[in-house]
Structure formats: C-alpha cells, structure tokens
C-alpha atoms as a PDB file:
ATOM      1  CA  UNK A   1      27.514 262.560  76.459  1.00  0.00           C
ATOM      2  CA  UNK A   2      30.063 261.700  79.122  1.00  0.00           C
ATOM      3  CA  UNK A   3      32.394 264.025  81.020  1.00  0.00           C
ATOM      4  CA  UNK A   4      35.248 263.671  78.550  1.00  0.00           C
ATOM      5  CA  UNK A   5      33.048 264.770  75.644  1.00  0.00           C
ATOM      6  CA  UNK A   6      31.835 267.804  77.579  1.00  0.00           C
ATOM      7  CA  UNK A   7      35.428 268.785  78.339  1.00  0.00           C
ATOM      8  CA  UNK A   8      36.423 268.418  74.663  1.00  0.00           C
ATOM      9  CA  UNK A   9      33.496 270.542  73.486  1.00  0.00           C
ATOM     10  CA  UNK A  10      34.344 273.238  76.048  1.00  0.00           C
ATOM     11  CA  UNK A  11      37.972 273.144  74.989  1.00  0.00           C
ATOM     12  CA  UNK A  12      37.046 273.497  71.314  1.00  0.00           C
ATOM     13  CA  UNK A  13      34.688 276.430  71.903  1.00  0.00           C
ATOM     14  CA  UNK A  14      37.192 278.155  74.166  1.00  0.00           C
ATOM     15  CA  UNK A  15      39.959 277.646  71.588  1.00  0.00           C
ATOM     16  CA  UNK A  16      37.876 279.400  68.933  1.00  0.00           C
ATOM     17  CA  UNK A  17      37.044 282.350  71.203  1.00  0.00           C
ATOM     18  CA  UNK A  18      40.642 282.821  72.378  1.00  0.00           C
ATOM     19  CA  UNK A  19      42.042 282.421  68.860  1.00  0.00           C
ATOM     20  CA  UNK A  20      39.757 285.076  67.383  1.00  0.00           C
ATOM     21  CA  UNK A  21      40.374 287.454  70.278  1.00  0.00           C
ATOM     22  CA  UNK A  22      44.152 287.025  70.171  1.00  0.00           C
ATOM     23  CA  UNK A  23      44.236 287.421  66.387  1.00  0.00           C
ATOM     24  CA  UNK A  24      42.224 290.646  66.583  1.00  0.00           C
ATOM     25  CA  UNK A  25      44.610 291.862  69.297  1.00  0.00           C
ATOM     26  CA  UNK A  26      47.621 291.107  67.059  1.00  0.00           C
ATOM     27  CA  UNK A  27      46.035 292.940  64.126  1.00  0.00           C
ATOM     28  CA  UNK A  28      45.319 295.943  66.322  1.00  0.00           C
ATOM     29  CA  UNK A  29      48.772 295.969  67.911  1.00  0.00           C
ATOM     30  CA  UNK A  30      51.033 295.183  64.941  1.00  0.00           C
ATOM     31  CA  UNK A  31      49.024 296.551  62.043  1.00  0.00           C
ATOM     32  CA  UNK A  32      47.212 294.790  59.258  1.00  0.00           C
ATOM     33  CA  UNK A  33      50.133 293.168  57.427  1.00  0.00           C
ATOM     34  CA  UNK A  34      51.977 291.708  60.409  1.00  0.00           C
ATOM     35  CA  UNK A  35      48.828 291.109  62.413  1.00  0.00           C
ATOM     36  CA  UNK A  36      47.097 289.097  59.703  1.00  0.00           C
ATOM     37  CA  UNK A  37      50.254 287.573  58.285  1.00  0.00           C
ATOM     38  CA  UNK A  38      51.922 286.358  61.476  1.00  0.00           C
ATOM     39  CA  UNK A  39      49.343 287.047  64.159  1.00  0.00           C
ATOM     40  CA  UNK A  40      47.556 283.763  63.504  1.00  0.00           C
ATOM     41  CA  UNK A  41      50.618 281.891  64.755  1.00  0.00           C
ATOM     42  CA  UNK A  42      50.719 283.717  68.083  1.00  0.00           C
ATOM     43  CA  UNK A  43      46.941 283.405  68.364  1.00  0.00           C
ATOM     44  CA  UNK A  44      47.056 279.655  67.732  1.00  0.00           C
ATOM     45  CA  UNK A  45      49.791 279.099  70.318  1.00  0.00           C
ATOM     46  CA  UNK A  46      47.952 281.206  72.906  1.00  0.00           C
ATOM     47  CA  UNK A  47      44.642 279.493  72.229  1.00  0.00           C
ATOM     48  CA  UNK A  48      46.189 276.022  72.402  1.00  0.00           C
ATOM     49  CA  UNK A  49      47.712 276.687  75.812  1.00  0.00           C
ATOM     50  CA  UNK A  50      44.856 278.663  77.368  1.00  0.00           C
ATOM     51  CA  UNK A  51      41.905 276.585  76.126  1.00  0.00           C
ATOM     52  CA  UNK A  52      42.643 273.766  78.588  1.00  0.00           C
ATOM     53  CA  UNK A  53      41.763 276.033  81.510  1.00  0.00           C
ATOM     54  CA  UNK A  54      38.164 276.713  80.428  1.00  0.00           C
ATOM     55  CA  UNK A  55      36.583 275.246  83.589  1.00  0.00           C
ATOM     56  CA  UNK A  56      38.461 277.861  85.619  1.00  0.00           C
ATOM     57  CA  UNK A  57      37.017 280.612  83.429  1.00  0.00           C
ATOM     58  CA  UNK A  58      33.502 279.298  84.066  1.00  0.00           C
ATOM     59  CA  UNK A  59      34.072 279.076  87.830  1.00  0.00           C
ATOM     60  CA  UNK A  60      35.558 282.575  87.875  1.00  0.00           C
ATOM     61  CA  UNK A  61      32.579 283.940  85.967  1.00  0.00           C
ATOM     62  CA  UNK A  62      30.147 282.297  88.385  1.00  0.00           C
ATOM     63  CA  UNK A  63      32.105 283.593  91.378  1.00  0.00           C
ATOM     64  CA  UNK A  64      32.167 287.176  90.115  1.00  0.00           C
ATOM     65  CA  UNK A  65      28.504 287.027  89.062  1.00  0.00           C
ATOM     66  CA  UNK A  66      27.500 285.881  92.534  1.00  0.00           C
ATOM     67  CA  UNK A  67      29.564 288.659  94.097  1.00  0.00           C
ATOM     68  CA  UNK A  68      28.132 291.276  91.748  1.00  0.00           C
ATOM     69  CA  UNK A  69      24.488 290.338  92.304  1.00  0.00           C
ATOM     70  CA  UNK A  70      24.728 289.765  96.039  1.00  0.00           C
END
C-alpha cells in the first residue's frame, strides 16, 4: 500500500464519519422530515469538503492527547 492509497482510505473513512455526523445534526436541528429529506445534501457537501483535511484531524488529536497526558 503506497502513500496515495493510505490517503484515499483515510479520506473515505473520514467522509463516512462526517456525513453521518452532519446528517444526524441536520435531523436534530431541522426535524425529521427536513433533516432526513434534505439533510443528506448538506451532509454530503460538508463531508466532501472536510474529508480532505483528515491528516490535520489526526495531528490535532495527537497534539491534544500529548498535552492532556503530559
């Protein structure tokens, strides 16, 4: 597995996590009908944009974990 494959796998996993989280947020904020009916669109757009930054999320998590357990 080369670096490009690792990045694609991380992007895919991050996309799924962000999509589910954003869709749940839309359902909670706008109610069941609008949240389920149209929330998937906002969730997909958010996930598509934010999933490319997954290495920053990992680095941030490591940074805060090191600070917390210091």
